N, C-alpha and C. Protein backbone atom coordinates (compact mmCIF):
# COMPACT_ATOMS: atom_id res chain seq x y z
N MET A 1 6.98 40.06 -9.87
CA MET A 1 5.82 39.33 -9.56
C MET A 1 6.10 38.50 -8.28
N PRO A 2 5.47 38.70 -7.15
CA PRO A 2 5.68 37.86 -5.96
C PRO A 2 5.22 36.41 -6.14
N GLY A 3 6.02 35.58 -5.40
CA GLY A 3 5.64 34.16 -5.55
C GLY A 3 4.51 33.94 -4.67
N PRO A 4 3.76 32.76 -4.83
CA PRO A 4 2.61 32.44 -4.02
C PRO A 4 2.91 32.25 -2.48
N LYS A 5 2.03 32.58 -1.59
CA LYS A 5 2.32 32.15 -0.28
C LYS A 5 2.34 30.75 0.02
N ILE A 6 3.33 30.32 0.82
CA ILE A 6 3.28 28.84 1.12
C ILE A 6 2.52 28.54 2.38
N SER A 7 1.71 27.64 2.17
CA SER A 7 0.98 27.20 3.53
C SER A 7 1.77 26.50 4.44
N PRO A 8 1.46 26.83 5.91
CA PRO A 8 2.13 26.16 6.86
C PRO A 8 1.77 24.79 7.03
N ARG A 9 0.83 24.32 6.33
CA ARG A 9 0.49 22.77 6.43
C ARG A 9 1.48 21.93 5.97
N ARG A 10 1.65 20.70 6.48
CA ARG A 10 2.47 19.68 5.93
C ARG A 10 2.17 19.43 4.41
N PRO A 11 3.03 19.45 3.55
CA PRO A 11 2.59 19.36 2.10
C PRO A 11 1.97 18.09 1.67
N ASN A 12 2.16 17.02 2.32
CA ASN A 12 1.62 15.83 2.06
C ASN A 12 0.31 15.43 2.65
N VAL A 13 -0.22 16.45 3.43
CA VAL A 13 -1.53 16.09 3.98
C VAL A 13 -2.59 17.10 3.55
N TRP A 14 -3.76 16.57 3.22
CA TRP A 14 -4.90 17.32 2.68
C TRP A 14 -5.52 18.03 3.87
N PRO A 15 -6.21 19.08 3.65
CA PRO A 15 -6.93 19.74 4.80
C PRO A 15 -7.92 18.95 5.47
N ARG A 16 -8.53 19.53 6.60
CA ARG A 16 -9.52 18.84 7.37
C ARG A 16 -10.69 18.28 6.43
N PRO A 17 -11.35 17.21 6.69
CA PRO A 17 -12.40 16.56 5.65
C PRO A 17 -13.52 17.58 5.45
N SER A 18 -13.79 18.50 6.36
CA SER A 18 -14.97 19.48 6.23
C SER A 18 -14.42 20.41 5.04
N VAL A 19 -13.12 20.81 4.97
CA VAL A 19 -12.60 21.73 3.95
C VAL A 19 -12.66 20.98 2.64
N CYS A 20 -12.21 19.64 2.53
CA CYS A 20 -12.25 19.02 1.41
C CYS A 20 -13.76 18.76 0.86
N GLU A 21 -14.66 18.63 1.81
CA GLU A 21 -16.03 18.49 1.29
C GLU A 21 -16.61 19.73 0.74
N ARG A 22 -16.15 20.94 1.40
CA ARG A 22 -16.46 22.21 0.82
C ARG A 22 -16.05 22.33 -0.63
N TRP A 23 -14.74 21.87 -0.75
CA TRP A 23 -14.20 22.05 -2.29
C TRP A 23 -14.90 21.08 -3.19
N CYS A 24 -15.12 19.98 -2.62
CA CYS A 24 -15.81 18.92 -3.53
C CYS A 24 -17.14 19.37 -3.95
N SER A 25 -17.79 20.21 -3.38
CA SER A 25 -19.20 20.76 -3.73
C SER A 25 -18.97 21.71 -4.78
N LEU A 26 -17.77 22.35 -5.06
CA LEU A 26 -17.71 23.46 -5.96
C LEU A 26 -17.09 22.97 -7.33
N THR A 27 -17.29 23.77 -8.36
CA THR A 27 -16.74 23.43 -9.66
C THR A 27 -15.42 24.27 -9.70
N VAL A 28 -14.28 23.74 -9.48
CA VAL A 28 -13.05 24.47 -9.47
C VAL A 28 -11.94 23.51 -10.29
N LYS A 29 -10.87 24.22 -10.59
CA LYS A 29 -9.71 23.55 -10.99
C LYS A 29 -8.54 23.82 -9.89
N ILE A 30 -8.10 22.87 -9.29
CA ILE A 30 -7.16 23.07 -8.20
C ILE A 30 -5.65 22.72 -8.75
N VAL A 31 -4.84 23.76 -8.59
CA VAL A 31 -3.54 23.56 -9.04
C VAL A 31 -2.41 23.78 -8.00
N HIS A 32 -1.34 23.11 -8.11
CA HIS A 32 -0.04 23.27 -7.29
C HIS A 32 0.92 23.91 -8.34
N PHE A 33 1.50 25.06 -7.94
CA PHE A 33 2.14 25.81 -9.01
C PHE A 33 3.27 26.67 -8.29
N SER A 34 4.22 27.25 -9.17
CA SER A 34 5.04 28.15 -8.76
C SER A 34 5.22 29.23 -9.87
N THR A 35 5.64 30.51 -9.54
CA THR A 35 5.52 31.33 -10.50
C THR A 35 6.99 31.39 -11.26
N LEU A 36 7.04 31.56 -12.57
CA LEU A 36 8.37 31.54 -13.30
C LEU A 36 9.28 32.75 -12.85
N SER A 37 8.97 33.60 -12.11
CA SER A 37 9.81 34.65 -11.55
C SER A 37 10.50 34.29 -10.35
N GLY A 38 10.11 33.07 -9.76
CA GLY A 38 10.76 32.51 -8.70
C GLY A 38 9.98 32.43 -7.40
N GLY A 39 10.45 32.00 -6.36
CA GLY A 39 9.72 31.76 -5.13
C GLY A 39 9.36 30.35 -4.94
N GLY A 40 8.71 30.09 -3.65
CA GLY A 40 8.30 28.81 -3.54
C GLY A 40 7.03 28.43 -4.22
N SER A 41 6.70 27.16 -4.13
CA SER A 41 5.35 26.62 -4.70
C SER A 41 4.17 26.88 -3.73
N GLY A 42 3.05 26.85 -4.28
CA GLY A 42 1.93 27.12 -3.49
C GLY A 42 0.58 26.48 -4.19
N TRP A 43 -0.48 26.60 -3.61
CA TRP A 43 -1.79 26.20 -4.26
C TRP A 43 -2.68 27.30 -4.68
N GLY A 44 -3.57 26.88 -5.57
CA GLY A 44 -4.37 27.98 -6.12
C GLY A 44 -5.54 27.28 -6.89
N VAL A 45 -6.52 28.08 -7.56
CA VAL A 45 -7.45 27.67 -8.38
C VAL A 45 -7.42 28.44 -9.65
N ILE A 46 -7.88 27.84 -10.79
CA ILE A 46 -7.71 28.63 -12.02
C ILE A 46 -9.23 29.12 -12.41
N GLU A 47 -9.18 30.51 -12.44
CA GLU A 47 -10.47 31.26 -12.64
C GLU A 47 -10.09 32.34 -13.72
N ASP A 48 -10.91 32.46 -14.84
CA ASP A 48 -10.81 33.39 -15.89
C ASP A 48 -9.44 33.57 -16.40
N ASP A 49 -8.72 32.25 -16.73
CA ASP A 49 -7.53 32.20 -17.19
C ASP A 49 -6.27 32.76 -16.29
N MET A 50 -6.60 32.79 -14.97
CA MET A 50 -5.64 33.23 -13.92
C MET A 50 -5.49 32.23 -12.95
N VAL A 51 -4.37 32.06 -12.31
CA VAL A 51 -4.26 31.25 -10.96
C VAL A 51 -4.49 32.23 -9.87
N GLN A 52 -5.58 31.91 -9.14
CA GLN A 52 -5.74 32.54 -7.91
C GLN A 52 -5.20 31.69 -6.62
N ALA A 53 -4.13 32.34 -6.03
CA ALA A 53 -3.47 31.69 -4.84
C ALA A 53 -4.32 31.52 -3.87
N THR A 54 -4.24 30.33 -3.17
CA THR A 54 -4.98 29.96 -1.87
C THR A 54 -4.26 29.53 -0.88
N GLU A 55 -4.70 29.54 0.32
CA GLU A 55 -3.85 29.18 1.51
C GLU A 55 -3.98 27.72 1.67
N GLY A 56 -3.03 26.97 0.87
CA GLY A 56 -3.11 25.66 0.92
C GLY A 56 -4.20 25.11 0.02
N PRO A 57 -4.17 23.68 -0.25
CA PRO A 57 -5.09 23.12 -1.07
C PRO A 57 -6.54 23.12 -0.42
N GLY A 58 -7.51 23.70 -0.88
CA GLY A 58 -8.76 23.84 -0.28
C GLY A 58 -8.87 25.03 0.57
N GLY A 59 -7.89 25.91 0.62
CA GLY A 59 -7.97 27.11 1.48
C GLY A 59 -8.62 28.24 1.00
N THR A 60 -8.61 29.36 1.67
CA THR A 60 -9.27 30.64 1.23
C THR A 60 -8.25 31.28 0.12
N ARG A 61 -8.80 32.11 -0.74
CA ARG A 61 -8.15 32.75 -1.67
C ARG A 61 -7.21 33.98 -0.95
N THR A 62 -5.99 34.05 -1.33
CA THR A 62 -5.24 35.03 -0.70
C THR A 62 -5.26 36.50 -1.42
N GLY A 63 -5.80 36.57 -2.71
CA GLY A 63 -5.91 37.75 -3.43
C GLY A 63 -4.83 37.85 -4.44
N GLU A 64 -3.81 37.01 -4.41
CA GLU A 64 -2.69 37.06 -5.35
C GLU A 64 -3.13 36.40 -6.68
N ARG A 65 -2.87 36.91 -7.73
CA ARG A 65 -3.27 36.46 -9.09
C ARG A 65 -2.03 36.40 -10.10
N SER A 66 -1.88 35.39 -10.97
CA SER A 66 -0.90 35.18 -11.70
C SER A 66 -1.44 34.60 -13.06
N PRO A 67 -1.15 35.26 -14.32
CA PRO A 67 -1.62 34.60 -15.55
C PRO A 67 -1.10 33.23 -15.80
N LEU A 68 -1.70 32.39 -16.47
CA LEU A 68 -1.32 31.10 -16.79
C LEU A 68 0.12 31.01 -17.46
N SER A 69 0.33 31.90 -18.35
CA SER A 69 1.61 32.01 -18.81
C SER A 69 2.77 32.33 -18.06
N ALA A 70 2.46 32.71 -16.67
CA ALA A 70 3.49 32.98 -15.84
C ALA A 70 3.85 32.04 -14.73
N VAL A 71 3.18 30.94 -14.85
CA VAL A 71 3.32 29.75 -13.86
C VAL A 71 3.79 28.58 -14.32
N ARG A 72 4.31 27.73 -13.46
CA ARG A 72 4.79 26.34 -13.72
C ARG A 72 4.08 25.49 -13.00
N PHE A 73 3.39 24.51 -13.49
CA PHE A 73 2.44 23.49 -12.90
C PHE A 73 3.23 22.45 -12.24
N HIS A 74 2.82 22.00 -11.04
CA HIS A 74 3.48 20.87 -10.47
C HIS A 74 2.39 19.78 -10.17
N ALA A 75 2.74 18.59 -9.79
CA ALA A 75 1.88 17.44 -9.58
C ALA A 75 0.80 18.00 -8.61
N PRO A 76 -0.49 17.87 -8.82
CA PRO A 76 -1.41 18.38 -7.79
C PRO A 76 -1.88 17.63 -6.66
N ALA A 77 -1.05 16.64 -6.40
CA ALA A 77 -1.38 15.82 -5.20
C ALA A 77 -0.10 15.20 -4.61
N PHE A 78 -0.08 15.00 -3.34
CA PHE A 78 1.16 14.37 -2.80
C PHE A 78 0.57 12.84 -2.08
N PRO A 79 0.34 11.98 -2.90
CA PRO A 79 -0.33 10.68 -2.33
C PRO A 79 0.81 9.93 -1.50
N GLY A 80 0.25 9.34 -0.49
CA GLY A 80 1.09 8.36 0.37
C GLY A 80 1.23 7.08 -0.51
N LYS A 81 0.10 6.80 -1.18
CA LYS A 81 0.33 5.59 -2.08
C LYS A 81 -0.40 5.83 -3.39
N ILE A 82 -0.01 5.29 -4.53
CA ILE A 82 -0.69 5.44 -5.77
C ILE A 82 -1.23 4.05 -6.18
N VAL A 83 -2.52 3.95 -6.09
CA VAL A 83 -3.18 2.62 -6.37
C VAL A 83 -3.58 2.70 -7.75
N CYS A 84 -3.13 1.66 -8.67
CA CYS A 84 -3.44 1.64 -10.09
C CYS A 84 -4.35 0.28 -10.40
N VAL A 85 -4.88 0.54 -11.50
CA VAL A 85 -5.79 -0.52 -11.98
C VAL A 85 -5.37 -0.99 -13.36
N GLY A 86 -4.96 -2.39 -13.54
CA GLY A 86 -4.38 -2.91 -14.74
C GLY A 86 -5.45 -3.25 -15.81
N ARG A 87 -5.17 -3.15 -17.05
CA ARG A 87 -6.15 -3.54 -18.08
C ARG A 87 -7.46 -2.71 -17.79
N ASN A 88 -7.44 -1.50 -17.75
CA ASN A 88 -8.57 -0.68 -17.30
C ASN A 88 -9.40 -0.17 -18.49
N TYR A 89 -8.86 -0.19 -19.80
CA TYR A 89 -9.74 0.14 -20.85
C TYR A 89 -9.31 -0.76 -22.09
N TYR A 90 -10.26 -0.91 -22.96
CA TYR A 90 -10.05 -1.86 -24.08
C TYR A 90 -9.06 -1.52 -25.11
N GLY A 91 -8.90 -0.08 -25.37
CA GLY A 91 -7.85 0.26 -26.32
C GLY A 91 -6.56 -0.26 -25.89
N HIS A 92 -6.12 -0.10 -24.59
CA HIS A 92 -4.91 -0.59 -24.25
C HIS A 92 -4.73 -2.13 -24.29
N ILE A 93 -5.82 -2.72 -23.83
CA ILE A 93 -5.78 -4.27 -23.88
C ILE A 93 -5.53 -4.85 -25.26
N ARG A 94 -6.21 -4.16 -26.34
CA ARG A 94 -5.90 -4.47 -27.67
C ARG A 94 -4.51 -4.06 -28.14
N GLU A 95 -4.04 -2.96 -27.65
CA GLU A 95 -2.69 -2.46 -27.87
C GLU A 95 -1.57 -3.48 -27.39
N MET A 96 -1.79 -4.17 -26.26
CA MET A 96 -0.94 -5.08 -25.72
C MET A 96 -1.05 -6.45 -26.37
N GLY A 97 -2.05 -6.69 -27.26
CA GLY A 97 -2.20 -7.82 -27.95
C GLY A 97 -2.85 -9.00 -27.09
N ASN A 98 -3.43 -8.65 -25.97
CA ASN A 98 -4.19 -9.65 -25.24
C ASN A 98 -5.74 -9.58 -25.11
N ASP A 99 -6.25 -9.07 -26.11
CA ASP A 99 -7.73 -8.74 -26.28
C ASP A 99 -8.39 -10.16 -26.24
N SER A 100 -7.70 -11.20 -26.64
CA SER A 100 -8.42 -12.50 -26.72
C SER A 100 -8.58 -13.15 -25.37
N ASP A 101 -7.81 -12.60 -24.34
CA ASP A 101 -8.02 -13.08 -22.94
C ASP A 101 -9.27 -12.46 -22.36
N PRO A 102 -9.99 -13.38 -21.51
CA PRO A 102 -11.06 -12.91 -20.94
C PRO A 102 -10.90 -11.73 -19.95
N LEU A 103 -11.67 -10.73 -19.93
CA LEU A 103 -11.64 -9.75 -18.96
C LEU A 103 -11.73 -10.12 -17.62
N PRO A 104 -10.91 -9.52 -16.71
CA PRO A 104 -11.14 -9.97 -15.26
C PRO A 104 -12.49 -9.65 -14.70
N GLU A 105 -12.96 -10.41 -13.68
CA GLU A 105 -14.09 -10.21 -13.12
C GLU A 105 -14.13 -9.06 -12.12
N GLU A 106 -12.88 -8.86 -11.43
CA GLU A 106 -12.58 -7.83 -10.67
C GLU A 106 -11.36 -7.03 -11.15
N PRO A 107 -11.19 -5.72 -10.83
CA PRO A 107 -10.05 -5.02 -11.33
C PRO A 107 -8.72 -5.64 -10.70
N GLY A 108 -7.68 -5.55 -11.44
CA GLY A 108 -6.30 -6.07 -10.87
C GLY A 108 -5.65 -4.72 -10.51
N LEU A 109 -5.26 -4.77 -9.10
CA LEU A 109 -4.65 -3.58 -8.59
C LEU A 109 -3.25 -3.78 -8.31
N PHE A 110 -2.47 -2.67 -8.34
CA PHE A 110 -1.02 -2.64 -8.05
C PHE A 110 -0.72 -1.25 -7.59
N LEU A 111 0.52 -1.17 -6.98
CA LEU A 111 0.95 0.06 -6.44
C LEU A 111 2.08 0.76 -7.12
N LYS A 112 2.14 2.03 -7.12
CA LYS A 112 3.32 2.65 -7.45
C LYS A 112 3.92 3.32 -6.25
N GLY A 113 5.26 3.47 -6.10
CA GLY A 113 5.74 4.24 -5.07
C GLY A 113 5.56 5.70 -5.19
N ALA A 114 5.46 6.45 -4.17
CA ALA A 114 5.40 8.06 -4.16
C ALA A 114 6.58 8.61 -4.86
N ASN A 115 7.76 7.99 -4.95
CA ASN A 115 8.80 8.52 -5.68
C ASN A 115 8.60 8.57 -7.10
N ALA A 116 7.60 7.84 -7.69
CA ALA A 116 7.44 7.86 -9.15
C ALA A 116 6.57 9.09 -9.62
N LEU A 117 6.05 9.85 -8.62
CA LEU A 117 5.27 11.03 -8.83
C LEU A 117 6.11 12.10 -9.57
N ALA A 118 5.71 12.76 -10.61
CA ALA A 118 6.49 13.65 -11.41
C ALA A 118 5.52 14.83 -11.83
N ASP A 119 6.16 16.02 -12.02
CA ASP A 119 5.33 17.15 -12.59
C ASP A 119 4.98 16.96 -14.02
N PRO A 120 3.87 17.46 -14.38
CA PRO A 120 3.41 17.35 -15.85
C PRO A 120 4.48 18.11 -16.84
N GLY A 121 4.78 17.55 -17.88
CA GLY A 121 5.53 18.35 -18.92
C GLY A 121 7.03 18.08 -18.73
N LEU A 122 7.52 17.55 -17.61
CA LEU A 122 8.95 17.36 -17.46
C LEU A 122 9.51 16.14 -18.23
N ASP A 123 10.82 16.31 -18.62
CA ASP A 123 11.47 15.22 -19.29
C ASP A 123 11.68 14.13 -18.40
N ILE A 124 11.57 12.96 -18.87
CA ILE A 124 11.62 11.74 -17.90
C ILE A 124 12.88 11.03 -18.25
N PRO A 125 13.81 10.67 -17.43
CA PRO A 125 15.01 9.89 -17.85
C PRO A 125 14.77 8.57 -18.26
N TYR A 126 15.20 8.13 -19.14
CA TYR A 126 15.06 6.68 -19.57
C TYR A 126 16.11 5.72 -18.80
N PRO A 127 15.43 4.94 -17.86
CA PRO A 127 16.29 4.08 -16.97
C PRO A 127 17.19 3.07 -17.66
N HIS A 128 18.31 3.06 -17.11
CA HIS A 128 19.28 2.18 -17.77
C HIS A 128 18.89 0.70 -17.69
N PHE A 129 17.97 0.28 -16.73
CA PHE A 129 17.84 -1.13 -16.59
C PHE A 129 16.73 -1.72 -17.53
N THR A 130 16.27 -0.86 -18.48
CA THR A 130 15.13 -1.29 -19.40
C THR A 130 15.41 -0.92 -20.69
N ASN A 131 14.86 -1.73 -21.72
CA ASN A 131 14.98 -1.45 -23.10
C ASN A 131 13.49 -1.43 -23.72
N GLU A 132 12.54 -1.31 -22.78
CA GLU A 132 11.19 -1.45 -23.38
C GLU A 132 10.38 -0.63 -22.30
N LEU A 133 10.36 0.66 -22.48
CA LEU A 133 9.70 1.65 -21.73
C LEU A 133 8.29 1.93 -22.41
N HIS A 134 7.22 1.65 -21.64
CA HIS A 134 5.79 1.75 -22.18
C HIS A 134 5.10 2.82 -21.39
N TYR A 135 4.13 3.33 -22.10
CA TYR A 135 3.30 4.43 -21.45
C TYR A 135 1.79 4.08 -21.66
N GLU A 136 1.08 4.60 -20.72
CA GLU A 136 -0.44 4.46 -20.51
C GLU A 136 -1.05 5.72 -20.02
N GLY A 137 -1.90 6.28 -20.86
CA GLY A 137 -2.44 7.56 -20.43
C GLY A 137 -3.70 7.07 -19.41
N GLU A 138 -3.91 7.92 -18.28
CA GLU A 138 -4.73 7.34 -17.45
C GLU A 138 -5.70 8.58 -16.91
N LEU A 139 -6.81 8.28 -16.44
CA LEU A 139 -7.68 9.21 -15.62
C LEU A 139 -7.40 8.90 -14.15
N ALA A 140 -6.82 9.87 -13.45
CA ALA A 140 -6.51 9.61 -12.09
C ALA A 140 -7.60 10.31 -11.12
N ILE A 141 -7.76 9.48 -10.09
CA ILE A 141 -8.77 9.91 -9.08
C ILE A 141 -8.03 10.40 -7.86
N VAL A 142 -8.23 11.73 -7.55
CA VAL A 142 -7.62 12.26 -6.37
C VAL A 142 -8.61 12.19 -5.07
N ILE A 143 -8.15 11.43 -4.09
CA ILE A 143 -9.05 11.24 -3.03
C ILE A 143 -8.72 12.39 -1.97
N GLY A 144 -9.74 13.25 -1.53
CA GLY A 144 -9.64 14.27 -0.82
C GLY A 144 -9.66 14.24 0.72
N SER A 145 -10.27 13.11 1.20
CA SER A 145 -10.34 12.77 2.62
C SER A 145 -10.33 11.33 2.89
N ARG A 146 -9.89 10.85 4.04
CA ARG A 146 -9.58 9.39 4.36
C ARG A 146 -10.91 8.63 4.12
N ILE A 147 -10.56 7.49 3.51
CA ILE A 147 -11.77 6.66 3.15
C ILE A 147 -11.44 5.25 3.80
N LEU A 148 -12.47 4.67 4.48
CA LEU A 148 -12.24 3.38 5.20
C LEU A 148 -12.99 2.37 4.35
N SER A 149 -12.50 1.25 4.57
CA SER A 149 -13.34 0.06 3.88
C SER A 149 -14.69 -0.02 4.40
N GLY A 150 -15.69 -0.25 3.53
CA GLY A 150 -17.09 -0.37 3.84
C GLY A 150 -17.71 0.94 3.96
N SER A 151 -17.11 2.04 3.45
CA SER A 151 -17.88 3.37 3.50
C SER A 151 -19.11 3.16 2.71
N ASP A 152 -20.28 3.70 3.17
CA ASP A 152 -21.49 3.66 2.35
C ASP A 152 -21.59 4.56 1.21
N ASP A 153 -20.69 5.56 1.15
CA ASP A 153 -20.68 6.61 0.08
C ASP A 153 -19.22 6.89 -0.19
N PRO A 154 -18.52 6.01 -0.76
CA PRO A 154 -17.12 6.33 -1.20
C PRO A 154 -16.89 7.53 -2.06
N MET A 155 -17.85 7.91 -2.80
CA MET A 155 -17.50 8.92 -3.82
C MET A 155 -17.58 10.33 -3.17
N LYS A 156 -18.09 10.32 -2.00
CA LYS A 156 -17.89 11.74 -1.19
C LYS A 156 -16.62 12.12 -0.80
N HIS A 157 -15.68 11.05 -0.95
CA HIS A 157 -14.28 11.34 -0.49
C HIS A 157 -13.24 11.65 -1.84
N VAL A 158 -14.02 11.72 -3.07
CA VAL A 158 -13.30 12.00 -4.20
C VAL A 158 -13.13 13.53 -4.27
N LEU A 159 -11.91 14.12 -4.24
CA LEU A 159 -11.86 15.60 -4.51
C LEU A 159 -12.13 15.79 -5.99
N GLY A 160 -11.56 15.07 -6.90
CA GLY A 160 -11.57 15.34 -8.25
C GLY A 160 -10.82 14.37 -8.99
N TYR A 161 -10.61 14.77 -10.28
CA TYR A 161 -9.89 13.91 -11.34
C TYR A 161 -8.74 14.81 -11.95
N THR A 162 -7.66 14.05 -12.45
CA THR A 162 -6.61 14.72 -13.13
C THR A 162 -6.01 13.64 -14.21
N ALA A 163 -5.12 14.21 -14.97
CA ALA A 163 -4.55 13.34 -16.02
C ALA A 163 -3.18 12.67 -15.34
N GLY A 164 -2.97 11.40 -15.85
CA GLY A 164 -1.83 10.74 -15.38
C GLY A 164 -1.32 9.86 -16.40
N ILE A 165 -0.01 9.68 -16.36
CA ILE A 165 0.59 8.52 -17.12
C ILE A 165 1.31 7.51 -16.37
N ASP A 166 0.93 6.27 -16.66
CA ASP A 166 1.58 4.96 -15.96
C ASP A 166 2.65 4.34 -16.91
N LEU A 167 4.01 4.86 -16.45
CA LEU A 167 5.05 4.37 -17.30
C LEU A 167 5.54 3.03 -16.63
N THR A 168 5.91 2.02 -17.56
CA THR A 168 6.23 0.65 -17.15
C THR A 168 7.41 0.23 -17.88
N ALA A 169 8.45 -0.25 -17.12
CA ALA A 169 9.66 -1.07 -17.69
C ALA A 169 9.20 -2.38 -18.05
N ARG A 170 8.58 -2.55 -19.35
CA ARG A 170 7.83 -3.68 -19.60
C ARG A 170 8.67 -5.01 -19.65
N ASP A 171 9.90 -4.95 -19.94
CA ASP A 171 10.83 -6.14 -19.89
C ASP A 171 11.04 -6.50 -18.47
N ARG A 172 11.23 -5.63 -17.60
CA ARG A 172 11.51 -5.83 -16.16
C ARG A 172 10.23 -6.38 -15.51
N GLN A 173 9.05 -5.98 -15.92
CA GLN A 173 7.82 -6.43 -15.51
C GLN A 173 7.42 -8.06 -15.78
N LYS A 174 8.07 -8.20 -16.99
CA LYS A 174 7.86 -9.71 -17.31
C LYS A 174 8.96 -10.57 -16.61
N LYS A 175 10.11 -10.08 -16.14
CA LYS A 175 11.21 -10.89 -15.64
C LYS A 175 11.28 -10.87 -13.96
N ASP A 176 11.02 -9.75 -13.41
CA ASP A 176 11.03 -9.57 -12.00
C ASP A 176 9.97 -10.33 -11.31
N LEU A 177 10.25 -10.76 -10.07
CA LEU A 177 9.18 -11.42 -9.26
C LEU A 177 8.10 -10.45 -8.96
N GLN A 178 8.37 -9.23 -8.50
CA GLN A 178 7.37 -8.18 -8.23
C GLN A 178 7.52 -7.11 -9.14
N TRP A 179 6.65 -6.13 -9.24
CA TRP A 179 6.59 -5.06 -10.24
C TRP A 179 7.11 -3.72 -9.73
N THR A 180 7.93 -3.85 -8.59
CA THR A 180 8.42 -2.59 -7.92
C THR A 180 9.23 -1.86 -8.92
N ARG A 181 10.38 -2.51 -9.43
CA ARG A 181 11.15 -1.84 -10.35
C ARG A 181 10.50 -1.39 -11.65
N ALA A 182 9.64 -2.34 -12.15
CA ALA A 182 8.95 -1.94 -13.43
C ALA A 182 8.08 -0.81 -13.34
N LYS A 183 7.41 -0.63 -12.32
CA LYS A 183 6.37 0.45 -12.07
C LYS A 183 6.76 1.60 -11.19
N SER A 184 7.89 1.59 -10.45
CA SER A 184 8.10 2.56 -9.53
C SER A 184 9.51 3.27 -9.62
N ALA A 185 10.09 3.34 -10.84
CA ALA A 185 11.16 4.08 -10.93
C ALA A 185 10.86 5.61 -10.83
N ASP A 186 11.78 6.30 -10.50
CA ASP A 186 11.67 7.93 -10.38
C ASP A 186 10.81 8.40 -11.57
N ALA A 187 9.99 9.14 -11.43
CA ALA A 187 9.26 9.96 -12.54
C ALA A 187 8.42 8.97 -13.32
N PHE A 188 8.04 7.86 -12.93
CA PHE A 188 7.15 6.84 -13.56
C PHE A 188 5.67 7.19 -13.50
N CYS A 189 5.27 8.29 -12.83
CA CYS A 189 3.89 8.58 -12.72
C CYS A 189 3.63 10.13 -12.79
N PRO A 190 3.96 10.79 -14.03
CA PRO A 190 3.59 12.13 -14.28
C PRO A 190 2.05 12.42 -13.97
N LEU A 191 1.79 13.48 -13.26
CA LEU A 191 0.39 13.79 -12.78
C LEU A 191 0.12 15.29 -13.14
N GLY A 192 -1.08 15.70 -13.54
CA GLY A 192 -1.45 16.93 -13.66
C GLY A 192 -1.95 17.32 -15.18
N PRO A 193 -2.19 18.71 -15.21
CA PRO A 193 -1.73 19.69 -14.55
C PRO A 193 -2.60 20.33 -13.49
N TRP A 194 -3.79 19.92 -13.40
CA TRP A 194 -4.70 20.39 -12.31
C TRP A 194 -5.82 19.42 -11.98
N ILE A 195 -6.50 19.50 -10.98
CA ILE A 195 -7.49 18.66 -10.38
C ILE A 195 -8.91 19.19 -10.87
N GLU A 196 -9.71 18.53 -11.61
CA GLU A 196 -11.12 19.01 -11.94
C GLU A 196 -11.99 18.26 -10.77
N THR A 197 -12.67 19.29 -10.12
CA THR A 197 -13.56 18.90 -9.30
C THR A 197 -15.00 18.38 -9.77
N GLU A 198 -15.23 18.84 -10.87
CA GLU A 198 -16.52 18.53 -11.57
C GLU A 198 -16.24 17.87 -12.92
N LEU A 199 -16.32 16.58 -12.83
CA LEU A 199 -16.13 15.80 -14.09
C LEU A 199 -16.83 14.37 -14.11
N ASP A 200 -17.55 14.11 -15.07
CA ASP A 200 -18.29 12.84 -15.27
C ASP A 200 -17.27 11.78 -15.80
N PRO A 201 -16.77 10.97 -15.18
CA PRO A 201 -15.81 9.98 -15.78
C PRO A 201 -16.42 9.00 -16.85
N SER A 202 -17.69 8.85 -16.64
CA SER A 202 -18.41 7.90 -17.57
C SER A 202 -18.56 8.41 -18.85
N SER A 203 -18.40 9.91 -19.06
CA SER A 203 -18.43 10.45 -20.34
C SER A 203 -17.24 11.20 -20.82
N THR A 204 -16.08 10.76 -20.13
CA THR A 204 -14.86 11.31 -20.40
C THR A 204 -13.95 10.33 -21.32
N VAL A 205 -13.24 10.87 -22.32
CA VAL A 205 -12.38 9.98 -23.13
C VAL A 205 -11.05 10.50 -22.81
N VAL A 206 -10.16 9.55 -22.71
CA VAL A 206 -8.62 9.77 -22.38
C VAL A 206 -8.02 9.40 -23.69
N ARG A 207 -7.15 10.31 -24.21
CA ARG A 207 -6.30 10.07 -25.29
C ARG A 207 -4.96 10.30 -25.16
N THR A 208 -4.05 9.40 -25.55
CA THR A 208 -2.61 9.70 -25.39
C THR A 208 -1.91 9.94 -26.72
N PHE A 209 -1.25 11.05 -26.72
CA PHE A 209 -0.45 11.48 -27.94
C PHE A 209 0.97 11.37 -27.75
N VAL A 210 1.70 10.90 -28.87
CA VAL A 210 3.21 10.99 -28.75
C VAL A 210 3.74 11.59 -30.07
N ASN A 211 4.37 12.79 -29.79
CA ASN A 211 4.74 13.71 -30.88
C ASN A 211 3.66 13.94 -31.87
N GLY A 212 2.61 14.22 -31.28
CA GLY A 212 1.37 14.80 -32.04
C GLY A 212 0.51 13.68 -32.61
N VAL A 213 0.92 12.43 -32.48
CA VAL A 213 0.25 11.28 -33.03
C VAL A 213 -0.64 10.53 -31.95
N MET A 214 -1.78 10.27 -32.06
CA MET A 214 -2.62 9.68 -31.05
C MET A 214 -2.39 8.13 -31.06
N LYS A 215 -1.88 7.58 -29.96
CA LYS A 215 -1.50 6.32 -29.59
C LYS A 215 -2.43 5.44 -28.81
N GLN A 216 -3.23 6.00 -28.05
CA GLN A 216 -4.25 5.35 -27.27
C GLN A 216 -5.44 6.14 -27.12
N GLU A 217 -6.61 5.50 -26.91
CA GLU A 217 -7.81 6.13 -26.65
C GLU A 217 -8.81 5.17 -25.73
N GLY A 218 -9.37 5.66 -24.74
CA GLY A 218 -10.26 4.84 -24.03
C GLY A 218 -11.19 5.63 -23.19
């Protein structure tokens, strides 16, 4: 089975805004994948339990198809920065034992380095500098075109949503002056397996399971 065609576009750049807007208007599942038979990685959409290869993210279909069982999914975005929101659902606040603290009036933001990005389903090495590795299931928003401060309609720049995990070296977070090491170790942000372009986040439930046991819900 041939591998997917690789787009000549730079891998960390989304297509032109007009292309992103065209995909934002459709209900598709966008994937970054490679075939188990070998070859490079490419982009596609999931249709009828098959991956339809496309010419880059948001590109036209190439006609190549692969069954889901024959592909490996990769992180479906290459962000220049990963912006995170702390204490963003009550289940996690209660889990951390600080539910008696007042909720912030504005969201608390922090960054993860791009090196923290990891493919879904991969093993993550336990860093030697921590004895307290924590996980948080997240709903990740994928931005499809550049958004500037003061935009009158920021949601038009949202390409879709995907699943993510925010890993934290909690002991380093408490001791270090900044959160860089605690939040941005390699593979501290698994993402994927695909981007849902049609999803209502207000009616979406995020659950985190560890060894088949639900640990978080929000």
